[in-house]
């Protein structure tokens, strides 16, 4: 399921208006870019589906839901500035693998990032 994207939202995230929260737009952009559904994202990040849909519709997160916002930021490999306001990092890494494995009853999340050429 693809969620319609706001045509005014740039291909690369851009800071639009000072203080304007773009959380819903960023979520939609990432869902489309990764070709995943909101339900799948919610399940993967442990965010209640209703909460995620509220954010997509423009309802701002409550203080009690900030742990879910952080979970999304981690999943998308974004800072909170990027997630809330669409501000991009100048030196953005590229996630090339994300997965989990378990060892002796403990589950680990593994992320491999392409950082760029060696300096």
Protein backbone atom coordinates (compact mmCIF):
# COMPACT_ATOMS: atom_id res chain seq x y z
CA UNK A 1 0.00 0.00 0.00
CA UNK A 2 1.45 3.37 -1.02
CA UNK A 3 0.48 6.49 0.87
CA UNK A 4 0.10 9.62 -1.24
CA UNK A 5 2.99 11.99 -0.92
CA UNK A 6 2.59 15.76 -0.50
CA UNK A 7 3.71 17.18 -3.84
CA UNK A 8 5.25 20.22 -2.12
CA UNK A 9 7.61 18.04 -0.09
CA UNK A 10 10.99 17.90 -1.80
CA UNK A 11 12.57 14.64 -2.94
CA UNK A 12 15.38 15.17 -0.45
CA UNK A 13 14.15 16.38 2.90
CA UNK A 14 14.31 20.13 3.25
CA UNK A 15 13.57 22.42 6.14
CA UNK A 16 10.42 24.21 5.02
CA UNK A 17 9.21 26.64 7.67
CA UNK A 18 10.95 27.42 10.94
CA UNK A 19 9.38 25.28 13.65
CA UNK A 20 6.95 23.45 11.35
CA UNK A 21 6.78 19.78 12.28
CA UNK A 22 6.97 17.61 9.16
CA UNK A 23 6.87 14.24 10.94
CA UNK A 24 3.95 12.88 8.92
CA UNK A 25 5.52 13.93 5.61
CA UNK A 26 8.85 12.36 6.52
CA UNK A 27 7.14 9.10 7.54
CA UNK A 28 5.18 8.98 4.27
CA UNK A 29 8.34 9.69 2.27
CA UNK A 30 10.21 6.88 4.02
CA UNK A 31 7.31 4.43 3.64
CA UNK A 32 7.24 5.09 -0.10
CA UNK A 33 11.02 5.03 -0.45
CA UNK A 34 11.27 1.70 1.36
CA UNK A 35 8.06 0.34 -0.20
CA UNK A 36 6.59 -0.74 3.14
CA UNK A 37 3.17 -0.24 4.67
CA UNK A 38 2.42 1.81 7.76
CA UNK A 39 1.23 -1.40 9.47
CA UNK A 40 4.54 -3.14 8.73
CA UNK A 41 6.49 -0.15 10.00
CA UNK A 42 4.39 0.03 13.16
CA UNK A 43 4.95 -3.66 13.85
CA UNK A 44 8.70 -3.47 13.15
CA UNK A 45 9.15 -0.46 15.45
CA UNK A 46 6.67 -1.42 18.16
CA UNK A 47 4.56 1.69 17.51
CA UNK A 48 0.78 1.34 17.85
CA UNK A 49 -0.73 1.50 14.33
CA UNK A 50 -3.25 4.15 15.43
CA UNK A 51 -0.44 6.33 16.77
CA UNK A 52 1.50 6.05 13.51
CA UNK A 53 -1.58 6.88 11.42
CA UNK A 54 -2.27 9.89 13.66
CA UNK A 55 1.24 11.22 13.01
CA UNK A 56 0.80 10.68 9.27
CA UNK A 57 -2.43 12.70 9.46
CA UNK A 58 -0.57 15.58 11.13
CA UNK A 59 -1.35 14.98 14.80
CA UNK A 60 1.74 15.84 16.81
CA UNK A 61 3.21 13.21 19.15
CA UNK A 62 2.48 13.46 22.84
CA UNK A 63 5.19 13.39 25.47
CA UNK A 64 4.25 9.82 26.34
CA UNK A 65 4.75 8.68 22.74
CA UNK A 66 8.31 10.00 22.40
CA UNK A 67 9.73 6.50 22.93
CA UNK A 68 7.94 5.53 19.70
CA UNK A 69 9.35 8.55 17.87
CA UNK A 70 12.84 7.49 18.95
CA UNK A 71 12.14 3.96 17.72
CA UNK A 72 11.18 5.36 14.28
CA UNK A 73 14.29 7.55 14.18
CA UNK A 74 16.44 4.52 14.91
CA UNK A 75 14.65 2.42 12.29
CA UNK A 76 15.04 5.12 9.63
CA UNK A 77 18.61 5.86 10.76
CA UNK A 78 17.69 9.53 11.24
CA UNK A 79 18.25 12.16 13.86
CA UNK A 80 15.19 13.59 15.57
CA UNK A 81 15.75 16.82 13.60
CA UNK A 82 15.48 14.86 10.36
CA UNK A 83 12.41 12.97 11.51
CA UNK A 84 10.53 15.93 12.99
CA UNK A 85 11.54 18.73 10.65
CA UNK A 86 12.91 17.06 7.51
CA UNK A 87 16.35 18.57 8.08
CA UNK A 88 19.01 16.47 6.36
CA UNK A 89 22.44 15.56 7.61
CA UNK A 90 25.24 16.85 5.44
CA UNK A 91 27.17 13.57 5.57
CA UNK A 92 24.38 11.02 5.40
CA UNK A 93 25.35 7.37 5.54
CA UNK A 94 23.51 4.70 3.60
CA UNK A 95 22.11 1.66 5.39
CA UNK A 96 22.92 -1.36 3.24
CA UNK A 97 21.77 -4.08 5.64
CA UNK A 98 19.52 -4.17 8.68
CA UNK A 99 18.61 -7.39 10.39
CA UNK A 100 18.45 -9.24 13.67
CA UNK A 101 20.08 -12.29 15.13
CA UNK A 102 19.86 -14.02 18.46
CA UNK A 103 22.54 -15.55 20.63
CA UNK A 104 21.90 -17.38 23.89
CA UNK A 105 18.40 -15.91 24.24
CA UNK A 106 19.35 -12.32 23.47
CA UNK A 107 18.20 -10.64 20.25
CA UNK A 108 20.51 -8.15 18.54
CA UNK A 109 19.78 -5.67 15.75
CA UNK A 110 22.58 -5.39 13.20
CA UNK A 111 22.93 -2.40 10.91
CA UNK A 112 25.66 -2.06 8.30
CA UNK A 113 26.12 1.44 6.93
CA UNK A 114 28.03 2.63 3.91
CA UNK A 115 29.78 5.76 5.13
CA UNK A 116 31.69 6.71 2.02
CA UNK A 117 35.31 6.68 0.91
CA UNK A 118 38.15 6.42 3.40
CA UNK A 119 39.83 9.71 4.21
